[in-house]
Amino acid sequence: MRFLARIVLVFAAFSTTLCARASDALPASLLPQQEVAFAKDYLNRLKIRDFDHVKALIDPSLQNEVTDELLDNMSRTIYPGEPLAVEVVGSQIHIRDGQWSGNFTFDYQYAEGWLLASTALRKVDDGYRVIGFSARRTTASQRELNAFRWTGLSPLHYAALLCEIGFLLFMVATFITCLRTKMVRRKWLWAIATLIGWGSFQFDWASGVLAYQWLSFQIIGMGATKAGPAAPWILATTLPVGAMLFWLRRPKLVAAYRARQASVAGA
């Protein structure tokens, strides 16, 4: 039991560490260079108003939605001239039923301001087809906008942080209490149950948006992660239902143990 307790405490410490230390950029070795170059060139074609090329690569399912008016508006969103810097801030690859698709997001710095643009594409026999693209101006770089900060926080920020820390401490304290509680049997099952949470809650620290999934069971599902150096920090937590149930059942478990001891002593 002591060995199990040490494992859980170490795991809990790591789970609440601000993991995924942000590097200077997404590692180039992890990026599909050919696809990234294609996505970047596609956005450049949009900027220089090469609409024939842009529409020729659009997936057939989107052909009717991509009008000249839409392309004109998007091309005007992109700043003219060459960017001062370009950083890949998002790279998602999906392979389902043998079909490859990817979405690549770029953070552009121009003399006039910042631009966040992305291209989504899928592989076909003769190359790639674009299944989505976007471009919007931003007030600063994604690194700055998504940086972890303590200013301008809402009550929901503090509530999310308190739940993150409070639920974890509650789980760990209950786990230790369970190991020290004398009961007739199945202590190890109760010990594991104290670490099980119901539901998955993710809080975006940059935007203040809370997302949740009720149909989920996790073991110490708490921590803080970010998808990349320019991505926002996401606080994750779960409702400690196992620990709550243990405290509700603990008086009966202790009473059953004492009754068993008294029965053995009387015999």
C-alpha atoms as a PDB file:
ATOM      1  CA  MET A   1       0.000   0.000   0.000  1.00  0.00           C
ATOM      2  CA  ARG A   2       2.845   2.413   0.787  1.00  0.00           C
ATOM      3  CA  PHE A   3       4.394   1.730  -2.615  1.00  0.00           C
ATOM      4  CA  LEU A   4       1.028   2.402  -4.291  1.00  0.00           C
ATOM      5  CA  ALA A   5       0.672   5.631  -2.328  1.00  0.00           C
ATOM      6  CA  ARG A   6       4.080   6.852  -3.484  1.00  0.00           C
ATOM      7  CA  ILE A   7       3.245   6.108  -7.118  1.00  0.00           C
ATOM      8  CA  VAL A   8      -0.016   8.044  -6.886  1.00  0.00           C
ATOM      9  CA  LEU A   9       1.592  11.037  -5.172  1.00  0.00           C
ATOM     10  CA  VAL A  10       4.330  11.237  -7.802  1.00  0.00           C
ATOM     11  CA  PHE A  11       1.766  10.938 -10.602  1.00  0.00           C
ATOM     12  CA  ALA A  12      -0.380  13.645  -9.016  1.00  0.00           C
ATOM     13  CA  ALA A  13       2.590  15.974  -8.780  1.00  0.00           C
ATOM     14  CA  PHE A  14       3.381  15.524 -12.456  1.00  0.00           C
ATOM     15  CA  SER A  15      -0.255  15.855 -13.495  1.00  0.00           C
ATOM     16  CA  THR A  16      -0.499  19.345 -12.029  1.00  0.00           C
ATOM     17  CA  THR A  17       2.843  20.547 -13.360  1.00  0.00           C
ATOM     18  CA  LEU A  18       2.560  23.051 -16.159  1.00  0.00           C
ATOM     19  CA  CYS A  19       3.693  20.456 -18.638  1.00  0.00           C
ATOM     20  CA  ALA A  20       4.667  20.731 -22.280  1.00  0.00           C
ATOM     21  CA  ARG A  21       7.272  23.443 -21.765  1.00  0.00           C
ATOM     22  CA  ALA A  22       6.922  25.918 -24.613  1.00  0.00           C
ATOM     23  CA  SER A  23       9.838  25.836 -27.003  1.00  0.00           C
ATOM     24  CA  ASP A  24      10.787  28.654 -29.331  1.00  0.00           C
ATOM     25  CA  ALA A  25       8.782  27.086 -32.156  1.00  0.00           C
ATOM     26  CA  LEU A  26       7.169  23.888 -33.287  1.00  0.00           C
ATOM     27  CA  PRO A  27      10.034  21.486 -34.130  1.00  0.00           C
ATOM     28  CA  ALA A  28      10.594  21.491 -37.890  1.00  0.00           C
ATOM     29  CA  SER A  29      11.322  17.760 -37.769  1.00  0.00           C
ATOM     30  CA  LEU A  30       7.733  17.129 -36.642  1.00  0.00           C
ATOM     31  CA  LEU A  31       6.143  19.180 -39.419  1.00  0.00           C
ATOM     32  CA  PRO A  32       5.277  17.684 -42.828  1.00  0.00           C
ATOM     33  CA  GLN A  33       7.362  20.100 -44.863  1.00  0.00           C
ATOM     34  CA  GLN A  34       5.710  19.447 -48.233  1.00  0.00           C
ATOM     35  CA  GLU A  35       2.208  19.972 -46.907  1.00  0.00           C
ATOM     36  CA  VAL A  36       3.209  23.049 -44.893  1.00  0.00           C
ATOM     37  CA  ALA A  37       4.795  24.584 -48.011  1.00  0.00           C
ATOM     38  CA  PHE A  38       1.639  23.823 -50.022  1.00  0.00           C
ATOM     39  CA  ALA A  39      -0.590  25.424 -47.386  1.00  0.00           C
ATOM     40  CA  LYS A  40       1.602  28.523 -47.189  1.00  0.00           C
ATOM     41  CA  ASP A  41       1.763  28.894 -50.971  1.00  0.00           C
ATOM     42  CA  TYR A  42      -2.012  28.593 -51.193  1.00  0.00           C
ATOM     43  CA  LEU A  43      -2.449  31.522 -48.808  1.00  0.00           C
ATOM     44  CA  ASN A  44       0.068  33.521 -50.803  1.00  0.00           C
ATOM     45  CA  ARG A  45      -1.896  32.827 -54.008  1.00  0.00           C
ATOM     46  CA  LEU A  46      -4.944  34.182 -52.252  1.00  0.00           C
ATOM     47  CA  LYS A  47      -3.047  37.327 -51.234  1.00  0.00           C
ATOM     48  CA  ILE A  48      -1.858  38.067 -54.778  1.00  0.00           C
ATOM     49  CA  ARG A  49      -5.420  37.455 -56.040  1.00  0.00           C
ATOM     50  CA  ASP A  50      -4.608  34.442 -58.188  1.00  0.00           C
ATOM     51  CA  PHE A  51      -8.204  33.321 -57.837  1.00  0.00           C
ATOM     52  CA  ASP A  52      -8.123  30.855 -60.740  1.00  0.00           C
ATOM     53  CA  HIS A  53      -5.398  28.867 -59.002  1.00  0.00           C
ATOM     54  CA  VAL A  54      -7.167  29.149 -55.637  1.00  0.00           C
ATOM     55  CA  LYS A  55     -10.485  27.852 -57.008  1.00  0.00           C
ATOM     56  CA  ALA A  56      -8.819  25.098 -59.028  1.00  0.00           C
ATOM     57  CA  LEU A  57      -7.535  23.476 -55.824  1.00  0.00           C
ATOM     58  CA  ILE A  58     -10.795  23.734 -53.882  1.00  0.00           C
ATOM     59  CA  ASP A  59     -12.402  20.410 -52.987  1.00  0.00           C
ATOM     60  CA  PRO A  60     -15.478  19.713 -55.163  1.00  0.00           C
ATOM     61  CA  SER A  61     -17.694  19.687 -52.073  1.00  0.00           C
ATOM     62  CA  LEU A  62     -16.891  23.393 -51.510  1.00  0.00           C
ATOM     63  CA  GLN A  63     -16.855  24.669 -55.070  1.00  0.00           C
ATOM     64  CA  ASN A  64     -20.277  26.343 -54.827  1.00  0.00           C
ATOM     65  CA  GLU A  65     -19.410  28.077 -51.554  1.00  0.00           C
ATOM     66  CA  VAL A  66     -16.174  29.724 -52.689  1.00  0.00           C
ATOM     67  CA  THR A  67     -17.306  32.761 -54.672  1.00  0.00           C
ATOM     68  CA  ASP A  68     -15.238  35.575 -56.177  1.00  0.00           C
ATOM     69  CA  GLU A  69     -16.752  37.932 -53.620  1.00  0.00           C
ATOM     70  CA  LEU A  70     -15.597  35.715 -50.763  1.00  0.00           C
ATOM     71  CA  LEU A  71     -12.092  35.451 -52.199  1.00  0.00           C
ATOM     72  CA  ASP A  72     -11.958  39.212 -52.765  1.00  0.00           C
ATOM     73  CA  ASN A  73     -12.872  39.928 -49.144  1.00  0.00           C
ATOM     74  CA  MET A  74     -10.352  37.439 -47.806  1.00  0.00           C
ATOM     75  CA  SER A  75      -7.556  38.691 -50.019  1.00  0.00           C
ATOM     76  CA  ARG A  76      -8.153  42.212 -48.718  1.00  0.00           C
ATOM     77  CA  THR A  77      -7.812  40.883 -45.176  1.00  0.00           C
ATOM     78  CA  ILE A  78      -4.221  39.809 -45.854  1.00  0.00           C
ATOM     79  CA  TYR A  79      -1.720  42.632 -45.540  1.00  0.00           C
ATOM     80  CA  PRO A  80       0.143  43.507 -48.773  1.00  0.00           C
ATOM     81  CA  GLY A  81       3.864  43.034 -49.175  1.00  0.00           C
ATOM     82  CA  GLU A  82       6.174  40.486 -47.648  1.00  0.00           C
ATOM     83  CA  PRO A  83       5.741  39.512 -43.990  1.00  0.00           C
ATOM     84  CA  LEU A  84       8.457  40.316 -41.481  1.00  0.00           C
ATOM     85  CA  ALA A  85       8.120  36.858 -39.960  1.00  0.00           C
ATOM     86  CA  VAL A  86       6.002  33.717 -40.338  1.00  0.00           C
ATOM     87  CA  GLU A  87       5.561  31.034 -37.692  1.00  0.00           C
ATOM     88  CA  VAL A  88       3.696  27.735 -37.868  1.00  0.00           C
ATOM     89  CA  VAL A  89       1.550  27.799 -34.738  1.00  0.00           C
ATOM     90  CA  GLY A  90      -0.731  24.879 -35.528  1.00  0.00           C
ATOM     91  CA  SER A  91      -0.313  21.519 -37.239  1.00  0.00           C
ATOM     92  CA  GLN A  92      -3.007  18.848 -36.998  1.00  0.00           C
ATOM     93  CA  ILE A  93      -2.856  15.613 -38.980  1.00  0.00           C
ATOM     94  CA  HIS A  94      -5.712  13.116 -39.228  1.00  0.00           C
ATOM     95  CA  ILE A  95      -5.763   9.727 -40.952  1.00  0.00           C
ATOM     96  CA  ARG A  96      -9.125   8.008 -41.016  1.00  0.00           C
ATOM     97  CA  ASP A  97     -10.073   5.051 -43.183  1.00  0.00           C
ATOM     98  CA  GLY A  98      -6.864   5.576 -45.115  1.00  0.00           C
ATOM     99  CA  GLN A  99      -7.746   9.214 -45.930  1.00  0.00           C
ATOM    100  CA  TRP A 100      -5.087  11.791 -44.955  1.00  0.00           C
ATOM    101  CA  SER A 101      -6.114  15.331 -44.000  1.00  0.00           C
ATOM    102  CA  GLY A 102      -4.289  18.161 -42.292  1.00  0.00           C
ATOM    103  CA  ASN A 103      -4.808  21.688 -41.009  1.00  0.00           C
ATOM    104  CA  PHE A 104      -1.933  24.180 -40.779  1.00  0.00           C
ATOM    105  CA  THR A 105      -2.093  27.555 -39.067  1.00  0.00           C
ATOM    106  CA  PHE A 106       0.373  30.403 -39.570  1.00  0.00           C
ATOM    107  CA  ASP A 107       1.063  33.525 -37.532  1.00  0.00           C
ATOM    108  CA  TYR A 108       2.197  36.340 -39.861  1.00  0.00           C
ATOM    109  CA  GLN A 109       3.906  39.513 -38.700  1.00  0.00           C
ATOM    110  CA  TYR A 110       3.625  42.467 -41.072  1.00  0.00           C
ATOM    111  CA  ALA A 111       4.746  46.041 -40.612  1.00  0.00           C
ATOM    112  CA  GLU A 112       1.062  46.986 -40.408  1.00  0.00           C
ATOM    113  CA  GLY A 113       0.052  44.302 -37.911  1.00  0.00           C
ATOM    114  CA  TRP A 114      -0.513  40.604 -37.302  1.00  0.00           C
ATOM    115  CA  LEU A 115      -2.435  38.025 -39.303  1.00  0.00           C
ATOM    116  CA  LEU A 116      -3.613  34.538 -38.351  1.00  0.00           C
ATOM    117  CA  ALA A 117      -4.298  32.311 -41.368  1.00  0.00           C
ATOM    118  CA  SER A 118      -4.862  28.607 -41.925  1.00  0.00           C
ATOM    119  CA  THR A 119      -5.275  26.074 -44.715  1.00  0.00           C
ATOM    120  CA  ALA A 120      -6.950  22.685 -44.368  1.00  0.00           C
ATOM    121  CA  LEU A 121      -6.316  20.088 -47.045  1.00  0.00           C
ATOM    122  CA  ARG A 122      -6.614  16.438 -47.902  1.00  0.00           C
ATOM    123  CA  LYS A 123      -4.520  14.176 -50.087  1.00  0.00           C
ATOM    124  CA  VAL A 124      -5.809  12.930 -53.422  1.00  0.00           C
ATOM    125  CA  ASP A 125      -4.191  10.895 -56.184  1.00  0.00           C
ATOM    126  CA  ASP A 126      -2.868  13.925 -58.057  1.00  0.00           C
ATOM    127  CA  GLY A 127      -1.832  16.012 -55.053  1.00  0.00           C
ATOM    128  CA  TYR A 128      -3.990  17.938 -52.590  1.00  0.00           C
ATOM    129  CA  ARG A 129      -7.428  19.482 -52.387  1.00  0.00           C
ATOM    130  CA  VAL A 130      -8.221  22.385 -50.069  1.00  0.00           C
ATOM    131  CA  ILE A 131     -11.139  21.699 -47.744  1.00  0.00           C
ATOM    132  CA  GLY A 132     -10.987  24.962 -45.815  1.00  0.00           C
ATOM    133  CA  PHE A 133      -9.029  28.188 -45.374  1.00  0.00           C
ATOM    134  CA  SER A 134      -9.297  31.337 -43.287  1.00  0.00           C
ATOM    135  CA  ALA A 135      -7.522  34.605 -42.581  1.00  0.00           C
ATOM    136  CA  ARG A 136      -8.123  37.230 -39.921  1.00  0.00           C
ATOM    137  CA  ARG A 137      -6.186  40.119 -38.501  1.00  0.00           C
ATOM    138  CA  THR A 138      -5.190  40.060 -34.836  1.00  0.00           C
ATOM    139  CA  THR A 139      -4.001  42.688 -32.392  1.00  0.00           C
ATOM    140  CA  ALA A 140      -0.791  40.847 -31.488  1.00  0.00           C
ATOM    141  CA  SER A 141       1.063  37.583 -32.005  1.00  0.00           C
ATOM    142  CA  GLN A 142      -0.506  34.336 -30.858  1.00  0.00           C
ATOM    143  CA  ARG A 143       2.300  33.928 -28.348  1.00  0.00           C
ATOM    144  CA  GLU A 144       1.345  37.196 -26.722  1.00  0.00           C
ATOM    145  CA  LEU A 145      -2.407  36.711 -26.958  1.00  0.00           C
ATOM    146  CA  ASN A 146      -2.252  33.195 -25.479  1.00  0.00           C
ATOM    147  CA  ALA A 147       0.427  33.825 -22.857  1.00  0.00           C
ATOM    148  CA  PHE A 148      -0.383  32.772 -19.302  1.00  0.00           C
ATOM    149  CA  ARG A 149      -1.147  35.952 -17.351  1.00  0.00           C
ATOM    150  CA  TRP A 150      -2.695  37.008 -14.062  1.00  0.00           C
ATOM    151  CA  THR A 151      -4.196  40.307 -15.220  1.00  0.00           C
ATOM    152  CA  GLY A 152      -7.714  40.879 -16.504  1.00  0.00           C
ATOM    153  CA  LEU A 153      -9.032  37.612 -15.105  1.00  0.00           C
ATOM    154  CA  SER A 154     -12.736  36.867 -14.704  1.00  0.00           C
ATOM    155  CA  PRO A 155     -14.355  35.121 -11.719  1.00  0.00           C
ATOM    156  CA  LEU A 156     -14.505  32.000 -13.897  1.00  0.00           C
ATOM    157  CA  HIS A 157     -10.684  31.995 -14.149  1.00  0.00           C
ATOM    158  CA  TYR A 158     -10.333  31.923 -10.369  1.00  0.00           C
ATOM    159  CA  ALA A 159     -13.081  29.319 -10.018  1.00  0.00           C
ATOM    160  CA  ALA A 160     -11.387  27.061 -12.565  1.00  0.00           C
ATOM    161  CA  LEU A 161      -8.028  27.395 -10.821  1.00  0.00           C
ATOM    162  CA  LEU A 162      -9.504  26.737  -7.381  1.00  0.00           C
ATOM    163  CA  CYS A 163     -11.315  23.639  -8.670  1.00  0.00           C
ATOM    164  CA  GLU A 164      -8.120  22.427 -10.337  1.00  0.00           C
ATOM    165  CA  ILE A 165      -6.100  22.682  -7.110  1.00  0.00           C
ATOM    166  CA  GLY A 166      -8.897  21.884  -4.663  1.00  0.00           C
ATOM    167  CA  PHE A 167     -10.142  18.741  -6.399  1.00  0.00           C
ATOM    168  CA  LEU A 168      -6.619  17.381  -6.741  1.00  0.00           C
ATOM    169  CA  LEU A 169      -5.799  17.953  -3.061  1.00  0.00           C
ATOM    170  CA  PHE A 170      -9.147  16.438  -2.107  1.00  0.00           C
ATOM    171  CA  MET A 171      -8.423  13.313  -4.163  1.00  0.00           C
ATOM    172  CA  VAL A 172      -4.900  12.863  -2.792  1.00  0.00           C
ATOM    173  CA  ALA A 173      -5.969  13.514   0.816  1.00  0.00           C
ATOM    174  CA  THR A 174      -8.859  11.060   0.458  1.00  0.00           C
ATOM    175  CA  PHE A 175      -6.561   8.450  -1.081  1.00  0.00           C
ATOM    176  CA  ILE A 176      -4.154   8.699   1.871  1.00  0.00           C
ATOM    177  CA  THR A 177      -7.038   8.636   4.347  1.00  0.00           C
ATOM    178  CA  CYS A 178      -8.412   5.527   2.664  1.00  0.00           C
ATOM    179  CA  LEU A 179      -5.072   3.726   3.004  1.00  0.00           C
ATOM    180  CA  ARG A 180      -4.993   4.584   6.704  1.00  0.00           C
ATOM    181  CA  THR A 181      -8.621   3.644   7.322  1.00  0.00           C
ATOM    182  CA  LYS A 182      -9.114   0.210   8.848  1.00  0.00           C
ATOM    183  CA  MET A 183     -11.801  -1.722   7.026  1.00  0.00           C
ATOM    184  CA  VAL A 184     -12.781  -5.346   6.676  1.00  0.00           C
ATOM    185  CA  ARG A 185     -11.899  -5.876   3.010  1.00  0.00           C
ATOM    186  CA  ARG A 186     -11.453  -4.369  -0.463  1.00  0.00           C
ATOM    187  CA  LYS A 187      -9.334  -1.478   0.745  1.00  0.00           C
ATOM    188  CA  TRP A 188      -7.336  -1.439  -2.482  1.00  0.00           C
ATOM    189  CA  LEU A 189     -10.545  -1.132  -4.524  1.00  0.00           C
ATOM    190  CA  TRP A 190     -11.648   1.830  -2.447  1.00  0.00           C
ATOM    191  CA  ALA A 191      -8.179   3.377  -2.776  1.00  0.00           C
ATOM    192  CA  ILE A 192      -8.409   3.237  -6.560  1.00  0.00           C
ATOM    193  CA  ALA A 193     -11.992   4.528  -6.471  1.00  0.00           C
ATOM    194  CA  THR A 194     -10.918   7.663  -4.587  1.00  0.00           C
ATOM    195  CA  LEU A 195      -8.821   8.673  -7.614  1.00  0.00           C
ATOM    196  CA  ILE A 196     -11.613   8.266 -10.171  1.00  0.00           C
ATOM    197  CA  GLY A 197     -13.363  11.381 -11.423  1.00  0.00           C
ATOM    198  CA  TRP A 198     -16.498  11.821 -13.485  1.00  0.00           C
ATOM    199  CA  GLY A 199     -16.643  14.239 -16.390  1.00  0.00           C
ATOM    200  CA  SER A 200     -13.927  16.114 -18.226  1.00  0.00           C
ATOM    201  CA  PHE A 201     -13.706  19.896 -17.897  1.00  0.00           C
ATOM    202  CA  GLN A 202     -11.290  21.994 -19.994  1.00  0.00           C
ATOM    203  CA  PHE A 203     -10.825  25.705 -19.368  1.00  0.00           C
ATOM    204  CA  ASP A 204      -9.070  27.886 -21.937  1.00  0.00           C
ATOM    205  CA  TRP A 205      -7.032  30.355 -19.871  1.00  0.00           C
ATOM    206  CA  ALA A 206      -6.608  32.798 -22.781  1.00  0.00           C
ATOM    207  CA  SER A 207     -10.226  33.041 -23.925  1.00  0.00           C
ATOM    208  CA  GLY A 208     -11.990  32.099 -20.688  1.00  0.00           C
ATOM    209  CA  VAL A 209     -14.083  29.467 -22.490  1.00  0.00           C
ATOM    210  CA  LEU A 210     -15.153  26.371 -20.540  1.00  0.00           C
ATOM    211  CA  ALA A 211     -15.826  23.076 -22.316  1.00  0.00           C
ATOM    212  CA  TYR A 212     -17.021  19.869 -20.698  1.00  0.00           C
ATOM    213  CA  GLN A 213     -17.870  16.281 -21.460  1.00  0.00           C
ATOM    214  CA  TRP A 214     -20.077  14.434 -19.015  1.00  0.00           C
ATOM    215  CA  LEU A 215     -19.662  10.908 -20.369  1.00  0.00           C
ATOM    216  CA  SER A 216     -16.077  10.504 -19.231  1.00  0.00           C
ATOM    217  CA  PHE A 217     -14.331   8.747 -16.352  1.00  0.00           C
ATOM    218  CA  GLN A 218     -10.736   9.635 -15.483  1.00  0.00           C
ATOM    219  CA  ILE A 219      -8.059   8.797 -12.937  1.00  0.00           C
ATOM    220  CA  ILE A 220      -6.599  12.018 -11.538  1.00  0.00           C
ATOM    221  CA  GLY A 221      -7.628  13.723 -14.781  1.00  0.00           C
ATOM    222  CA  MET A 222      -6.158  17.059 -13.772  1.00  0.00           C
ATOM    223  CA  GLY A 223      -3.359  19.157 -15.186  1.00  0.00           C
ATOM    224  CA  ALA A 224      -2.419  22.036 -17.467  1.00  0.00           C
ATOM    225  CA  THR A 225      -1.313  21.594 -21.061  1.00  0.00           C
ATOM    226  CA  LYS A 226      -0.824  23.549 -24.255  1.00  0.00           C
ATOM    227  CA  ALA A 227      -0.757  22.226 -27.814  1.00  0.00           C
ATOM    228  CA  GLY A 228       2.252  24.298 -28.853  1.00  0.00           C
ATOM    229  CA  PRO A 229       4.400  27.309 -27.993  1.00  0.00           C
ATOM    230  CA  ALA A 230       1.793  29.770 -29.278  1.00  0.00           C
ATOM    231  CA  ALA A 231      -1.259  27.838 -28.080  1.00  0.00           C
ATOM    232  CA  PRO A 232      -3.295  28.787 -25.004  1.00  0.00           C
ATOM    233  CA  TRP A 233      -2.943  26.998 -21.685  1.00  0.00           C
ATOM    234  CA  ILE A 234      -5.793  24.557 -21.032  1.00  0.00           C
ATOM    235  CA  LEU A 235      -6.655  23.665 -17.434  1.00  0.00           C
ATOM    236  CA  ALA A 236      -8.222  20.221 -17.157  1.00  0.00           C
ATOM    237  CA  THR A 237     -10.082  18.830 -14.184  1.00  0.00           C
ATOM    238  CA  THR A 238     -12.636  16.187 -13.251  1.00  0.00           C
ATOM    239  CA  LEU A 239     -15.301  15.878 -10.551  1.00  0.00           C
ATOM    240  CA  PRO A 240     -13.918  13.650  -7.734  1.00  0.00           C
ATOM    241  CA  VAL A 241     -16.975  11.428  -7.356  1.00  0.00           C
ATOM    242  CA  GLY A 242     -14.944   8.464  -6.105  1.00  0.00           C
ATOM    243  CA  ALA A 243     -13.505  10.472  -3.216  1.00  0.00           C
ATOM    244  CA  MET A 244     -16.947  11.875  -2.383  1.00  0.00           C
ATOM    245  CA  LEU A 245     -18.450   8.396  -2.329  1.00  0.00           C
ATOM    246  CA  PHE A 246     -15.698   7.156  -0.022  1.00  0.00           C
ATOM    247  CA  TRP A 247     -16.420   9.846   2.590  1.00  0.00           C
ATOM    248  CA  LEU A 248     -20.116   8.995   2.442  1.00  0.00           C
ATOM    249  CA  ARG A 249     -19.370   5.310   2.986  1.00  0.00           C
ATOM    250  CA  ARG A 250     -16.469   5.677   5.425  1.00  0.00           C
ATOM    251  CA  PRO A 251     -18.554   5.692   8.654  1.00  0.00           C
ATOM    252  CA  LYS A 252     -20.157   2.366   7.684  1.00  0.00           C
ATOM    253  CA  LEU A 253     -16.816   0.889   6.632  1.00  0.00           C
ATOM    254  CA  VAL A 254     -15.234   1.853   9.950  1.00  0.00           C
ATOM    255  CA  ALA A 255     -18.273   0.601  11.893  1.00  0.00           C
ATOM    256  CA  ALA A 256     -18.145  -2.738  10.068  1.00  0.00           C
ATOM    257  CA  TYR A 257     -14.447  -3.099  10.910  1.00  0.00           C
ATOM    258  CA  ARG A 258     -15.001  -2.330  14.589  1.00  0.00           C
ATOM    259  CA  ALA A 259     -17.921  -4.759  14.736  1.00  0.00           C
ATOM    260  CA  ARG A 260     -15.717  -7.429  13.187  1.00  0.00           C
ATOM    261  CA  GLN A 261     -12.953  -6.759  15.723  1.00  0.00           C
ATOM    262  CA  ALA A 262     -15.417  -6.863  18.588  1.00  0.00           C
ATOM    263  CA  SER A 263     -16.817 -10.141  17.313  1.00  0.00           C
ATOM    264  CA  VAL A 264     -13.342 -11.664  17.077  1.00  0.00           C
ATOM    265  CA  ALA A 265     -12.438 -10.401  20.566  1.00  0.00           C
ATOM    266  CA  GLY A 266     -15.706 -11.779  22.015  1.00  0.00           C
ATOM    267  CA  ALA A 267     -15.067 -15.172  20.487  1.00  0.00           C
END
